[in-house]
Amino acid sequence: MVSIRLAEKSDFDFFFQLKSEDFNVFWTGGADKPILENIKSFFYSAIENQNREECRKIYIIENENGEKVGHLYIIPNGEEYDLACAILSDYCGKGYARNAIKLGLEEGRKYGFKKMVGSIREDNIASMKAYTSCGIQVLDEYKNVFVPKLEREVKMYKVIYDYGTQIEE
């Protein structure tokens, strides 16, 4: 079981640790680990503005023991939003992402969004499984994105969750 809560300034050290982990740098497509001052500015700005409807929300994912295991983003775009999830590598494969994504979809509904629209790298099988297990559809639509660590382009498949077509559980 997991819970999510809006991030606070005191969560920065954990957030930086997560964003700096080789595993997460690889899956986000970055060439290098984030620069401390840049990520701090990004994080604090997001925290200060997350009460504004049109701004990104950062959630901290905690496991049943209250340990911080990852983060979730809700990134508004009009009536739609993107839902991004990252888990510390030591906690992968335990269902935390799947359960956090479900909670993120519930948050999206509370905010009144009509759809969740995002993208997942073609080679990120774990994320594909986590998102599709929550009813999110992977479309045939994709864009090619260059990944510096791989020194090649990969397909980023469009994923969607349409609240208007989902059956309530």
Protein backbone atom coordinates (compact mmCIF):
# COMPACT_ATOMS: atom_id res chain seq x y z
CA MET A 1 0.00 0.00 0.00
CA VAL A 2 1.21 3.49 -0.79
CA SER A 3 0.08 7.01 -0.13
CA ILE A 4 0.82 10.26 -1.91
CA ARG A 5 1.00 13.76 -0.52
CA LEU A 6 1.94 17.12 -1.95
CA ALA A 7 5.67 17.71 -1.63
CA GLU A 8 6.99 20.23 0.86
CA LYS A 9 10.26 22.14 0.90
CA SER A 10 11.60 19.67 3.48
CA ASP A 11 11.35 16.91 0.83
CA PHE A 12 14.05 18.45 -1.35
CA ASP A 13 16.93 16.21 -0.23
CA PHE A 14 14.89 13.11 -1.06
CA PHE A 15 13.77 14.60 -4.38
CA PHE A 16 17.36 15.42 -5.34
CA GLN A 17 18.49 11.92 -4.34
CA LEU A 18 15.79 10.39 -6.54
CA LYS A 19 16.49 12.66 -9.51
CA SER A 20 20.25 11.99 -9.18
CA GLU A 21 20.02 8.22 -9.07
CA ASP A 22 21.61 6.68 -12.21
CA PHE A 23 18.54 4.51 -12.73
CA ASN A 24 16.20 7.52 -12.86
CA VAL A 25 18.57 9.70 -14.89
CA PHE A 26 18.60 6.91 -17.49
CA TRP A 27 14.80 6.55 -17.70
CA THR A 28 14.16 10.28 -17.87
CA GLY A 29 16.51 10.44 -20.83
CA GLY A 30 18.94 12.88 -19.30
CA ALA A 31 22.58 12.94 -20.28
CA ASP A 32 23.83 13.73 -16.79
CA LYS A 33 22.69 13.99 -13.20
CA PRO A 34 20.89 17.24 -12.41
CA ILE A 35 22.83 20.25 -11.18
CA LEU A 36 21.96 20.92 -7.55
CA GLU A 37 21.13 24.61 -7.92
CA ASN A 38 19.01 24.04 -11.05
CA ILE A 39 16.94 21.24 -9.54
CA LYS A 40 16.58 23.16 -6.26
CA SER A 41 15.23 26.18 -8.14
CA PHE A 42 12.84 23.95 -10.13
CA PHE A 43 11.63 22.14 -6.98
CA TYR A 44 11.11 25.24 -4.83
CA SER A 45 9.34 27.06 -7.63
CA ALA A 46 7.02 24.09 -8.16
CA ILE A 47 6.29 23.86 -4.41
CA GLU A 48 5.53 27.58 -4.16
CA ASN A 49 3.15 27.44 -7.14
CA GLN A 50 1.49 24.05 -6.83
CA ASN A 51 -1.64 25.56 -5.28
CA ARG A 52 -2.23 27.34 -8.60
CA GLU A 53 -4.54 25.36 -10.86
CA GLU A 54 -2.37 25.65 -13.97
CA CYS A 55 0.91 24.66 -12.27
CA ARG A 56 2.70 21.34 -11.84
CA LYS A 57 2.02 19.43 -8.66
CA ILE A 58 4.77 17.29 -7.11
CA TYR A 59 3.64 14.45 -4.88
CA ILE A 60 5.85 12.33 -2.65
CA ILE A 61 5.07 8.62 -2.70
CA GLU A 62 5.40 6.87 0.66
CA ASN A 63 5.16 3.16 1.37
CA GLU A 64 3.25 1.46 4.18
CA ASN A 65 6.19 2.14 6.55
CA GLY A 66 6.17 5.87 5.79
CA GLU A 67 9.38 5.63 3.76
CA LYS A 68 9.70 7.96 0.80
CA VAL A 69 9.95 5.73 -2.28
CA GLY A 70 9.26 8.03 -5.23
CA HIS A 71 7.52 11.03 -6.68
CA LEU A 72 4.55 11.67 -8.91
CA TYR A 73 3.94 14.72 -11.08
CA ILE A 74 0.62 16.08 -12.24
CA ILE A 75 1.40 18.48 -15.07
CA PRO A 76 -1.71 20.42 -16.20
CA ASN A 77 -2.34 21.27 -19.84
CA GLY A 78 -5.81 22.77 -20.14
CA GLU A 79 -8.43 20.05 -19.59
CA GLU A 80 -5.74 17.38 -19.81
CA TYR A 81 -2.68 16.58 -17.74
CA ASP A 82 0.42 14.42 -17.80
CA LEU A 83 1.08 11.99 -14.97
CA ALA A 84 4.74 11.12 -14.44
CA CYS A 85 6.08 8.72 -11.85
CA ALA A 86 9.57 7.83 -10.60
CA ILE A 87 10.52 5.27 -7.97
CA LEU A 88 13.87 4.78 -6.23
CA SER A 89 15.55 1.73 -7.77
CA ASP A 90 15.65 -0.12 -4.42
CA TYR A 91 11.85 -0.02 -4.33
CA CYS A 92 11.08 -0.99 -7.94
CA GLY A 93 9.05 -4.12 -8.63
CA LYS A 94 7.00 -3.86 -5.43
CA GLY A 95 3.85 -2.32 -6.97
CA TYR A 96 4.52 1.19 -5.64
CA ALA A 97 4.39 2.82 -9.08
CA ARG A 98 1.15 1.08 -10.03
CA ASN A 99 -0.55 2.08 -6.78
CA ALA A 100 0.78 5.65 -6.96
CA ILE A 101 -0.45 5.98 -10.56
CA LYS A 102 -3.93 4.89 -9.44
CA LEU A 103 -3.84 7.57 -6.74
CA GLY A 104 -2.58 10.09 -9.29
CA LEU A 105 -5.54 9.28 -11.56
CA GLU A 106 -7.87 9.87 -8.60
CA GLU A 107 -6.19 13.24 -7.99
CA GLY A 108 -6.62 14.12 -11.67
CA ARG A 109 -10.33 13.39 -11.38
CA LYS A 110 -10.57 15.60 -8.25
CA TYR A 111 -8.93 18.46 -10.17
CA GLY A 112 -11.59 18.05 -12.86
CA PHE A 113 -9.36 16.96 -15.74
CA LYS A 114 -11.04 15.20 -18.68
CA LYS A 115 -7.99 13.15 -19.74
CA MET A 116 -4.53 12.11 -18.71
CA VAL A 117 -2.23 12.29 -21.73
CA GLY A 118 1.45 11.45 -21.48
CA SER A 119 4.23 9.47 -23.08
CA ILE A 120 6.39 6.48 -22.20
CA ARG A 121 9.62 5.30 -23.79
CA GLU A 122 9.20 2.17 -25.88
CA ASP A 123 11.92 0.34 -23.93
CA ASN A 124 10.48 1.18 -20.49
CA ILE A 125 8.60 -2.08 -20.06
CA ALA A 126 8.10 -1.63 -16.30
CA SER A 127 6.37 1.74 -16.81
CA MET A 128 4.27 0.34 -19.66
CA LYS A 129 3.05 -2.44 -17.36
CA ALA A 130 2.40 -0.10 -14.42
CA TYR A 131 0.41 2.40 -16.49
CA THR A 132 -1.61 -0.16 -18.47
CA SER A 133 -2.49 -2.07 -15.28
CA CYS A 134 -4.32 1.12 -14.21
CA GLY A 135 -6.45 1.26 -17.36
CA ILE A 136 -4.20 3.67 -19.23
CA GLN A 137 -4.05 2.95 -22.95
CA VAL A 138 -0.86 2.96 -25.02
CA LEU A 139 -1.64 4.36 -28.46
CA ASP A 140 0.12 3.54 -31.72
CA GLU A 141 1.05 7.22 -31.89
CA TYR A 142 4.65 8.08 -31.01
CA LYS A 143 7.41 10.61 -31.47
CA ASN A 144 11.10 9.90 -31.80
CA VAL A 145 13.26 11.42 -29.08
CA PHE A 146 17.04 11.40 -28.89
CA VAL A 147 18.38 9.83 -25.67
CA PRO A 148 21.96 10.98 -24.99
CA LYS A 149 22.83 7.98 -22.79
CA LEU A 150 21.84 5.61 -25.61
CA GLU A 151 23.25 7.86 -28.34
CA ARG A 152 20.17 7.14 -30.47
CA GLU A 153 16.52 7.98 -30.87
CA VAL A 154 13.77 5.99 -29.15
CA LYS A 155 10.02 6.01 -29.61
CA MET A 156 7.96 7.79 -26.98
CA TYR A 157 4.48 6.27 -27.16
CA LYS A 158 1.47 8.40 -26.35
CA VAL A 159 -0.55 7.12 -23.39
CA ILE A 160 -4.05 8.22 -22.48
CA TYR A 161 -6.65 7.80 -19.77
CA ASP A 162 -10.00 9.30 -20.72
CA TYR A 163 -12.25 9.81 -17.70
CA GLY A 164 -15.27 9.98 -20.02
CA THR A 165 -14.78 6.42 -21.28
CA GLN A 166 -13.55 4.67 -18.14
CA ILE A 167 -15.81 2.33 -16.20
CA GLU A 168 -15.91 3.03 -12.47
CA GLU A 169 -14.64 0.15 -10.33
